[in-house]
Amino acid sequence: MVLENLNPMHYNITSLVPNAMPVATVPIVILMCFLFLLWNHEETSSIPGPGYCMGIGPLISHGRFLWMGVGNACNYYNKTYGEFVRVWISGEETFIISK
């Protein structure tokens, strides 16, 4: 009987974890979400064009230029956003001016 009480497998491991553990993780998760939003925050530009959206916008605009070619992609962006457009080519912000 004494050996049975000393056996560590006798105890339930979940009873060793305090009940306050989930309460303590909520502020940490909220803080991580807030820091993630600050990290991905991009100031909005007054120049029209596709949004940044955590880096997806530059990938889409660069892919469109590779897929359609420069002329067709410029025509597409001019029809969609107007004669002065901000896009990303190779990760750099590029302005398309046309009339």
C-alpha atoms as a PDB file:
ATOM      1  CA  MET A   1       0.000   0.000   0.000  1.00  0.00           C
ATOM      2  CA  VAL A   2       2.880   2.414   0.736  1.00  0.00           C
ATOM      3  CA  LEU A   3       4.542   1.623  -2.605  1.00  0.00           C
ATOM      4  CA  GLU A   4       1.261   2.236  -4.402  1.00  0.00           C
ATOM      5  CA  ASN A   5       1.013   5.756  -2.922  1.00  0.00           C
ATOM      6  CA  LEU A   6       4.607   6.558  -3.945  1.00  0.00           C
ATOM      7  CA  ASN A   7       4.096   5.421  -7.534  1.00  0.00           C
ATOM      8  CA  PRO A   8       3.933   8.555  -9.764  1.00  0.00           C
ATOM      9  CA  MET A   9       1.647   6.784 -12.247  1.00  0.00           C
ATOM     10  CA  HIS A  10      -0.932   6.531  -9.501  1.00  0.00           C
ATOM     11  CA  TYR A  11      -1.703  10.281  -9.691  1.00  0.00           C
ATOM     12  CA  ASN A  12      -3.707  11.896 -12.454  1.00  0.00           C
ATOM     13  CA  ILE A  13      -1.383  14.202 -14.391  1.00  0.00           C
ATOM     14  CA  THR A  14      -4.179  16.695 -15.140  1.00  0.00           C
ATOM     15  CA  SER A  15      -4.681  17.337 -11.445  1.00  0.00           C
ATOM     16  CA  LEU A  16      -1.093  18.623 -11.260  1.00  0.00           C
ATOM     17  CA  VAL A  17      -1.781  21.442 -13.776  1.00  0.00           C
ATOM     18  CA  PRO A  18      -3.394  24.410 -12.060  1.00  0.00           C
ATOM     19  CA  ASN A  19      -6.886  25.433 -13.072  1.00  0.00           C
ATOM     20  CA  ALA A  20      -5.721  29.007 -13.728  1.00  0.00           C
ATOM     21  CA  MET A  21      -3.675  27.968 -16.758  1.00  0.00           C
ATOM     22  CA  PRO A  22      -6.361  28.748 -19.392  1.00  0.00           C
ATOM     23  CA  VAL A  23      -7.064  32.108 -17.708  1.00  0.00           C
ATOM     24  CA  ALA A  24      -3.396  33.056 -17.957  1.00  0.00           C
ATOM     25  CA  THR A  25      -3.165  32.189 -21.660  1.00  0.00           C
ATOM     26  CA  VAL A  26      -5.985  34.538 -22.736  1.00  0.00           C
ATOM     27  CA  PRO A  27      -4.002  37.786 -22.147  1.00  0.00           C
ATOM     28  CA  ILE A  28      -0.968  36.264 -23.852  1.00  0.00           C
ATOM     29  CA  VAL A  29      -3.000  35.333 -26.938  1.00  0.00           C
ATOM     30  CA  ILE A  30      -4.597  38.791 -27.035  1.00  0.00           C
ATOM     31  CA  LEU A  31      -1.167  40.422 -26.758  1.00  0.00           C
ATOM     32  CA  MET A  32       0.204  38.246 -29.560  1.00  0.00           C
ATOM     33  CA  CYS A  33      -2.747  39.161 -31.820  1.00  0.00           C
ATOM     34  CA  PHE A  34      -2.241  42.857 -31.067  1.00  0.00           C
ATOM     35  CA  LEU A  35       1.483  42.642 -31.874  1.00  0.00           C
ATOM     36  CA  PHE A  36       0.695  40.755 -35.089  1.00  0.00           C
ATOM     37  CA  LEU A  37      -1.708  43.515 -36.158  1.00  0.00           C
ATOM     38  CA  LEU A  38       0.879  46.202 -35.381  1.00  0.00           C
ATOM     39  CA  TRP A  39       3.536  44.304 -37.308  1.00  0.00           C
ATOM     40  CA  ASN A  40       1.324  43.973 -40.402  1.00  0.00           C
ATOM     41  CA  HIS A  41      -0.146  47.461 -40.250  1.00  0.00           C
ATOM     42  CA  GLU A  42       0.577  49.400 -43.395  1.00  0.00           C
ATOM     43  CA  GLU A  43      -0.375  53.028 -43.741  1.00  0.00           C
ATOM     44  CA  THR A  44      -3.071  53.490 -46.331  1.00  0.00           C
ATOM     45  CA  SER A  45      -1.983  55.393 -49.363  1.00  0.00           C
ATOM     46  CA  SER A  46      -4.058  57.978 -51.153  1.00  0.00           C
ATOM     47  CA  ILE A  47      -2.858  56.502 -54.446  1.00  0.00           C
ATOM     48  CA  PRO A  48      -5.227  53.829 -55.781  1.00  0.00           C
ATOM     49  CA  GLY A  49      -4.061  50.301 -56.399  1.00  0.00           C
ATOM     50  CA  PRO A  50      -4.266  46.796 -54.984  1.00  0.00           C
ATOM     51  CA  GLY A  51      -4.033  46.574 -51.197  1.00  0.00           C
ATOM     52  CA  TYR A  52      -1.019  45.281 -49.317  1.00  0.00           C
ATOM     53  CA  CYS A  53      -2.953  42.682 -47.266  1.00  0.00           C
ATOM     54  CA  MET A  54      -0.018  41.141 -45.344  1.00  0.00           C
ATOM     55  CA  GLY A  55       2.162  40.822 -48.445  1.00  0.00           C
ATOM     56  CA  ILE A  56      -0.394  39.070 -50.627  1.00  0.00           C
ATOM     57  CA  GLY A  57      -1.085  42.203 -52.731  1.00  0.00           C
ATOM     58  CA  PRO A  58       2.526  42.540 -53.925  1.00  0.00           C
ATOM     59  CA  LEU A  59       2.638  38.834 -54.821  1.00  0.00           C
ATOM     60  CA  ILE A  60      -0.562  39.098 -56.861  1.00  0.00           C
ATOM     61  CA  SER A  61       0.481  42.269 -58.717  1.00  0.00           C
ATOM     62  CA  HIS A  62       3.958  40.879 -59.486  1.00  0.00           C
ATOM     63  CA  GLY A  63       2.423  37.606 -60.657  1.00  0.00           C
ATOM     64  CA  ARG A  64      -0.002  39.505 -62.900  1.00  0.00           C
ATOM     65  CA  PHE A  65       2.904  41.349 -64.552  1.00  0.00           C
ATOM     66  CA  LEU A  66       4.749  38.072 -65.115  1.00  0.00           C
ATOM     67  CA  TRP A  67       1.658  36.280 -66.426  1.00  0.00           C
ATOM     68  CA  MET A  68       0.083  39.002 -68.599  1.00  0.00           C
ATOM     69  CA  GLY A  69       3.147  40.979 -69.592  1.00  0.00           C
ATOM     70  CA  VAL A  70       3.823  44.626 -68.851  1.00  0.00           C
ATOM     71  CA  GLY A  71       1.476  46.136 -71.449  1.00  0.00           C
ATOM     72  CA  ASN A  72      -1.598  44.036 -70.683  1.00  0.00           C
ATOM     73  CA  ALA A  73      -1.092  44.282 -66.920  1.00  0.00           C
ATOM     74  CA  CYS A  74      -0.779  48.084 -67.150  1.00  0.00           C
ATOM     75  CA  ASN A  75      -3.983  48.235 -69.211  1.00  0.00           C
ATOM     76  CA  TYR A  76      -5.760  46.038 -66.644  1.00  0.00           C
ATOM     77  CA  TYR A  77      -4.676  48.205 -63.698  1.00  0.00           C
ATOM     78  CA  ASN A  78      -5.548  51.408 -65.579  1.00  0.00           C
ATOM     79  CA  LYS A  79      -9.056  50.123 -66.326  1.00  0.00           C
ATOM     80  CA  THR A  80      -9.508  48.954 -62.744  1.00  0.00           C
ATOM     81  CA  TYR A  81      -7.972  51.834 -60.734  1.00  0.00           C
ATOM     82  CA  GLY A  82      -7.558  54.809 -63.094  1.00  0.00           C
ATOM     83  CA  GLU A  83      -4.668  56.555 -64.802  1.00  0.00           C
ATOM     84  CA  PHE A  84      -2.352  56.763 -61.755  1.00  0.00           C
ATOM     85  CA  VAL A  85      -1.859  53.370 -60.047  1.00  0.00           C
ATOM     86  CA  ARG A  86       0.459  51.986 -57.365  1.00  0.00           C
ATOM     87  CA  VAL A  87       1.541  48.334 -57.847  1.00  0.00           C
ATOM     88  CA  TRP A  88       4.455  46.172 -56.733  1.00  0.00           C
ATOM     89  CA  ILE A  89       6.982  44.719 -59.158  1.00  0.00           C
ATOM     90  CA  SER A  90       9.709  42.520 -57.635  1.00  0.00           C
ATOM     91  CA  GLY A  91       8.690  43.669 -54.172  1.00  0.00           C
ATOM     92  CA  GLU A  92       9.197  47.367 -54.948  1.00  0.00           C
ATOM     93  CA  GLU A  93       6.415  49.901 -55.041  1.00  0.00           C
ATOM     94  CA  THR A  94       5.953  51.055 -58.644  1.00  0.00           C
ATOM     95  CA  PHE A  95       3.705  53.767 -60.043  1.00  0.00           C
ATOM     96  CA  ILE A  96       1.962  53.417 -63.397  1.00  0.00           C
ATOM     97  CA  ILE A  97       1.094  56.756 -64.981  1.00  0.00           C
ATOM     98  CA  SER A  98      -0.871  56.704 -68.221  1.00  0.00           C
ATOM     99  CA  LYS A  99      -3.666  58.475 -69.971  1.00  0.00           C
END
